[in-house]
Amino acid sequence: MGNKHNQNKKREENKCNNKNNNEQNGEAKKEEKIEAEKHRDERIEETGQLTLDKSELAHNIHLITIIGEIEGHDNLGSSSKTTKYEHILPQLAAIEDSKEIDGVLILLNTMGGDVEAGLAIAEMIASLSKPTVSLVLGGSHSIGVPIAVSTDYSYIVPTGTMVIHPVRLNGMVIGVQQTFDYFKQIQNRITGFVCDHCKISKVRLEELMMETGMLTKDVGTVLVGKEAVEEGIISEVGGIRDAISHLHDMVERKRTDTK
């Protein structure tokens, strides 16, 4: 009888221990989840980036946002929303080198900015081996245009806009032929990149740049939603659902092709 009593007592103790362990494991997992969400929120706030890894398709999609003004070699004011190329370029290199990341989604709402920095970002995105999709929200103006077309496929929301205009230069300009030749060289770099990565012709792109009847204080053209698609700059009108769905399809096709 004593042995049986001891065995029952031991069983009860084991049950209590298991219950306590389960409760502790549950609390630990809850704390880990809270910490992960906190880290995720901090990452979004600091860099505007995060990895989308909750899909049932088990694809890891890295999200990058290009917002405000694209900052060049000079720091802009603390009150300005900016995209810093020194943050974006290393991250793109890390994405290319990572076996964990399957694709890249670029969200754009930018007024443009520094030409050199914008082209550097666009060239990096275009040279990635991972599938890439861009989505223009609000606007992707000026040097934001090359970034928007640098991906494998591009979307623009129906109300999204793109301003196409010639190169501008801030500060003192020396009025000599060499200055205008330099402007032309920069513009050729931009138009060449854009035309190589979308369907618009160089002649048509330059016509849009030099349009004088649309902007009251400048030359250029504003394209809204479907107009950017009709001109051959953007692939399709769509939203975040379309962009993510298409990117998952591209990742899946790439996985199938490499098997």
Protein backbone atom coordinates (compact mmCIF):
# COMPACT_ATOMS: atom_id res chain seq x y z
CA MET A 1 0.00 0.00 0.00
CA GLY A 2 2.89 2.34 0.84
CA ASN A 3 4.51 1.80 -2.56
CA LYS A 4 1.23 2.50 -4.34
CA HIS A 5 0.73 5.68 -2.32
CA ASN A 6 4.25 6.84 -3.17
CA GLN A 7 3.70 6.15 -6.87
CA ASN A 8 0.45 8.18 -6.90
CA LYS A 9 2.18 10.99 -5.06
CA LYS A 10 5.03 10.95 -7.56
CA ARG A 11 2.56 11.09 -10.47
CA GLU A 12 0.85 14.10 -8.96
CA GLU A 13 4.21 15.82 -8.47
CA ASN A 14 5.14 15.13 -12.12
CA LYS A 15 1.82 16.55 -13.27
CA CYS A 16 2.41 19.71 -11.26
CA ASN A 17 5.95 20.01 -12.58
CA ASN A 18 4.78 19.55 -16.18
CA LYS A 19 2.04 22.13 -15.65
CA ASN A 20 4.54 24.59 -14.20
CA ASN A 21 6.97 23.94 -17.08
CA ASN A 22 4.21 24.48 -19.64
CA GLU A 23 3.21 27.73 -17.97
CA GLN A 24 6.83 28.89 -17.89
CA ASN A 25 7.31 27.95 -21.56
CA GLY A 26 4.12 29.81 -22.43
CA GLU A 27 5.29 32.90 -20.60
CA ALA A 28 8.73 32.67 -22.25
CA LYS A 29 7.18 32.40 -25.71
CA LYS A 30 4.89 35.32 -24.96
CA GLU A 31 7.86 37.45 -23.89
CA GLU A 32 9.82 36.40 -27.00
CA LYS A 33 6.86 37.40 -29.19
CA ILE A 34 6.57 40.81 -27.48
CA GLU A 35 10.33 41.37 -27.84
CA ALA A 36 10.24 40.37 -31.52
CA GLU A 37 7.34 42.76 -32.20
CA LYS A 38 9.18 45.54 -30.36
CA HIS A 39 12.32 44.93 -32.42
CA ARG A 40 10.20 44.89 -35.60
CA ASP A 41 8.57 48.22 -34.72
CA GLU A 42 11.94 49.80 -33.90
CA ARG A 43 13.37 48.59 -37.21
CA ILE A 44 10.48 50.11 -39.15
CA GLU A 45 10.84 53.40 -37.27
CA GLU A 46 14.63 53.61 -37.74
CA THR A 47 15.11 52.29 -41.28
CA GLY A 48 11.66 51.97 -42.90
CA GLN A 49 12.49 48.31 -43.59
CA LEU A 50 11.30 44.92 -42.41
CA THR A 51 11.11 41.31 -43.57
CA LEU A 52 7.67 39.94 -44.47
CA ASP A 53 7.87 36.31 -43.36
CA LYS A 54 4.36 35.40 -42.19
CA SER A 55 3.00 34.20 -45.54
CA GLU A 56 1.67 30.67 -45.87
CA LEU A 57 3.94 30.33 -48.91
CA ALA A 58 7.01 30.46 -46.62
CA HIS A 59 8.71 33.17 -48.67
CA ASN A 60 10.83 35.82 -46.97
CA ILE A 61 10.16 39.18 -48.65
CA HIS A 62 12.28 42.16 -47.66
CA LEU A 63 10.43 45.48 -47.70
CA ILE A 64 12.28 48.74 -48.42
CA THR A 65 10.63 52.16 -48.43
CA ILE A 66 11.90 55.11 -50.48
CA ILE A 67 10.23 58.17 -48.96
CA GLY A 68 10.56 61.94 -48.79
CA GLU A 69 13.70 63.33 -50.39
CA ILE A 70 16.57 61.10 -51.47
CA GLU A 71 19.55 62.46 -49.58
CA GLY A 72 22.90 62.87 -51.31
CA HIS A 73 26.31 63.77 -49.95
CA ASP A 74 24.90 66.63 -47.85
CA ASN A 75 22.63 66.08 -44.85
CA LEU A 76 19.22 67.67 -45.16
CA GLY A 77 17.44 69.47 -42.34
CA SER A 78 16.20 67.54 -39.32
CA SER A 79 12.59 68.45 -40.20
CA SER A 80 12.80 66.77 -43.63
CA LYS A 81 11.76 63.17 -44.26
CA THR A 82 14.63 61.58 -46.17
CA THR A 83 15.91 58.34 -47.62
CA LYS A 84 19.62 57.95 -46.93
CA TYR A 85 21.51 56.08 -49.63
CA GLU A 86 24.20 55.04 -47.13
CA HIS A 87 21.48 52.99 -45.39
CA ILE A 88 19.92 51.53 -48.53
CA LEU A 89 23.08 50.43 -50.39
CA PRO A 90 24.54 48.20 -47.63
CA GLN A 91 21.11 46.68 -47.06
CA LEU A 92 20.77 45.80 -50.75
CA ALA A 93 24.21 44.19 -50.67
CA ALA A 94 23.18 42.17 -47.60
CA ILE A 95 19.97 41.08 -49.36
CA GLU A 96 21.92 39.86 -52.38
CA ASP A 97 24.27 37.88 -50.13
CA SER A 98 21.51 36.40 -47.93
CA LYS A 99 20.13 32.92 -48.52
CA GLU A 100 17.20 33.81 -46.23
CA ILE A 101 15.69 36.54 -48.44
CA ASP A 102 13.65 35.37 -51.45
CA GLY A 103 12.47 38.67 -52.92
CA VAL A 104 12.39 42.45 -52.48
CA LEU A 105 9.42 44.83 -52.42
CA ILE A 106 10.12 48.55 -52.92
CA LEU A 107 7.48 51.07 -51.78
CA LEU A 108 7.93 54.59 -53.18
CA ASN A 109 6.50 57.91 -52.12
CA THR A 110 9.31 60.32 -52.95
CA MET A 111 9.71 63.83 -54.32
CA GLY A 112 13.07 62.85 -55.83
CA GLY A 113 16.38 64.25 -54.68
CA ASP A 114 20.07 63.75 -55.36
CA VAL A 115 20.75 62.36 -58.86
CA GLU A 116 23.91 60.43 -57.97
CA ALA A 117 22.34 58.82 -54.90
CA GLY A 118 19.11 58.00 -56.74
CA LEU A 119 20.92 56.39 -59.66
CA ALA A 120 23.16 54.44 -57.27
CA ILE A 121 20.09 52.98 -55.54
CA ALA A 122 18.41 52.24 -58.90
CA GLU A 123 21.52 50.47 -60.26
CA MET A 124 21.83 48.36 -57.10
CA ILE A 125 18.18 47.26 -57.27
CA ALA A 126 18.45 46.48 -61.00
CA SER A 127 21.51 44.27 -60.43
CA LEU A 128 19.94 42.10 -57.70
CA SER A 129 19.53 38.43 -58.55
CA LYS A 130 16.46 38.19 -56.28
CA PRO A 131 13.00 38.92 -57.77
CA THR A 132 12.01 42.56 -57.23
CA VAL A 133 8.74 44.51 -57.45
CA SER A 134 8.11 48.24 -56.92
CA LEU A 135 4.89 49.99 -55.95
CA VAL A 136 4.42 53.75 -56.44
CA LEU A 137 2.23 55.21 -53.68
CA GLY A 138 1.48 58.92 -53.64
CA GLY A 139 4.29 59.81 -56.02
CA SER A 140 7.67 58.86 -57.41
CA HIS A 141 8.97 62.06 -58.93
CA SER A 142 12.16 63.15 -60.64
CA ILE A 143 15.00 60.72 -59.74
CA GLY A 144 12.35 58.51 -58.17
CA VAL A 145 11.40 57.46 -61.72
CA PRO A 146 14.60 55.41 -62.32
CA ILE A 147 14.14 53.71 -58.94
CA ALA A 148 10.52 52.82 -59.77
CA VAL A 149 11.51 51.17 -63.07
CA SER A 150 14.64 49.45 -61.71
CA THR A 151 12.69 46.42 -60.45
CA ASP A 152 11.66 43.34 -62.44
CA TYR A 153 8.01 44.46 -62.33
CA SER A 154 6.37 47.73 -61.27
CA TYR A 155 2.97 48.89 -60.04
CA ILE A 156 1.38 52.28 -59.46
CA VAL A 157 -1.83 52.94 -57.53
CA PRO A 158 -4.62 54.66 -59.51
CA THR A 159 -3.97 58.01 -57.79
CA GLY A 160 -0.18 57.74 -57.82
CA THR A 161 1.78 60.38 -59.75
CA MET A 162 5.13 60.66 -61.49
CA VAL A 163 6.71 63.97 -62.46
CA ILE A 164 9.03 63.76 -65.47
CA HIS A 165 11.28 66.81 -65.84
CA PRO A 166 14.82 67.77 -66.94
CA VAL A 167 17.83 67.77 -64.61
CA ARG A 168 18.02 70.68 -62.17
CA LEU A 169 20.99 72.03 -60.24
CA ASN A 170 20.94 73.93 -56.96
CA GLY A 171 23.46 76.63 -56.16
CA MET A 172 25.67 78.71 -58.42
CA VAL A 173 25.71 77.83 -62.14
CA ILE A 174 28.40 79.08 -64.48
CA GLY A 175 26.79 80.04 -67.79
CA VAL A 176 29.24 78.39 -70.16
CA GLN A 177 28.88 75.65 -72.75
CA GLN A 178 30.67 73.12 -70.55
CA THR A 179 27.94 73.45 -67.91
CA PHE A 180 25.21 72.66 -70.42
CA ASP A 181 27.23 69.75 -71.79
CA TYR A 182 27.49 68.41 -68.24
CA PHE A 183 23.72 68.77 -67.79
CA LYS A 184 23.18 66.85 -71.01
CA GLN A 185 25.51 64.10 -69.87
CA ILE A 186 23.63 63.68 -66.59
CA GLN A 187 20.31 63.68 -68.39
CA ASN A 188 21.51 61.03 -70.84
CA ARG A 189 22.48 58.82 -67.91
CA ILE A 190 18.98 59.11 -66.45
CA THR A 191 17.06 58.68 -69.71
CA GLY A 192 19.33 55.81 -70.74
CA PHE A 193 18.68 53.94 -67.50
CA VAL A 194 14.92 54.54 -67.58
CA CYS A 195 14.58 53.44 -71.22
CA ASP A 196 16.68 50.32 -70.58
CA HIS A 197 14.37 49.23 -67.76
CA CYS A 198 10.91 49.99 -69.13
CA LYS A 199 9.09 50.23 -72.47
CA ILE A 200 9.14 53.97 -73.14
CA SER A 201 11.38 55.24 -75.95
CA LYS A 202 14.05 57.87 -75.37
CA VAL A 203 12.38 60.24 -77.84
CA ARG A 204 9.04 60.03 -76.02
CA LEU A 205 10.66 60.37 -72.59
CA GLU A 206 12.47 63.53 -73.65
CA GLU A 207 9.22 64.92 -75.07
CA LEU A 208 7.59 64.44 -71.66
CA MET A 209 10.57 66.08 -69.97
CA MET A 210 10.42 69.16 -72.18
CA GLU A 211 6.64 69.65 -72.13
CA THR A 212 5.85 73.33 -71.49
CA GLY A 213 2.07 73.32 -71.29
CA MET A 214 1.47 71.43 -68.02
CA LEU A 215 3.63 72.83 -65.19
CA THR A 216 3.21 76.56 -64.56
CA LYS A 217 6.67 77.20 -63.09
CA ASP A 218 8.66 74.46 -64.78
CA VAL A 219 8.91 72.24 -67.83
CA GLY A 220 7.88 68.62 -67.62
CA THR A 221 4.88 66.30 -67.35
CA VAL A 222 2.78 64.88 -64.51
CA LEU A 223 1.58 61.32 -65.16
CA VAL A 224 -1.24 59.96 -62.99
CA GLY A 225 -1.77 56.23 -62.43
CA LYS A 226 -2.88 54.66 -65.69
CA GLU A 227 -1.08 57.32 -67.76
CA ALA A 228 2.29 56.07 -66.49
CA VAL A 229 1.32 52.57 -67.64
CA GLU A 230 0.08 53.79 -71.03
CA GLU A 231 3.39 55.61 -71.59
CA GLY A 232 5.25 52.35 -70.92
CA ILE A 233 7.03 53.55 -67.77
CA ILE A 234 5.18 51.39 -65.22
CA SER A 235 4.10 47.78 -65.81
CA GLU A 236 0.61 47.82 -64.30
CA VAL A 237 -1.90 49.72 -62.15
CA GLY A 238 -2.36 47.97 -58.81
CA GLY A 239 -1.98 48.10 -55.05
CA ILE A 240 -0.13 46.31 -52.28
CA ARG A 241 -2.14 43.10 -52.73
CA ASP A 242 -1.18 42.91 -56.40
CA ALA A 243 2.47 43.74 -55.73
CA ILE A 244 2.94 41.14 -52.99
CA SER A 245 1.00 38.47 -54.90
CA HIS A 246 3.07 39.03 -58.05
CA LEU A 247 6.31 38.93 -56.07
CA HIS A 248 5.33 35.62 -54.46
CA ASP A 249 4.58 34.23 -57.93
CA MET A 250 8.01 35.37 -59.18
CA VAL A 251 9.75 33.76 -56.18
CA GLU A 252 7.86 30.51 -56.71
CA ARG A 253 8.73 30.45 -60.43
CA LYS A 254 12.39 31.04 -59.62
CA ARG A 255 12.38 28.18 -57.10
CA THR A 256 10.77 25.87 -59.66
CA ASP A 257 13.28 26.85 -62.35
CA THR A 258 16.27 26.20 -60.08
CA LYS A 259 15.14 22.71 -59.04
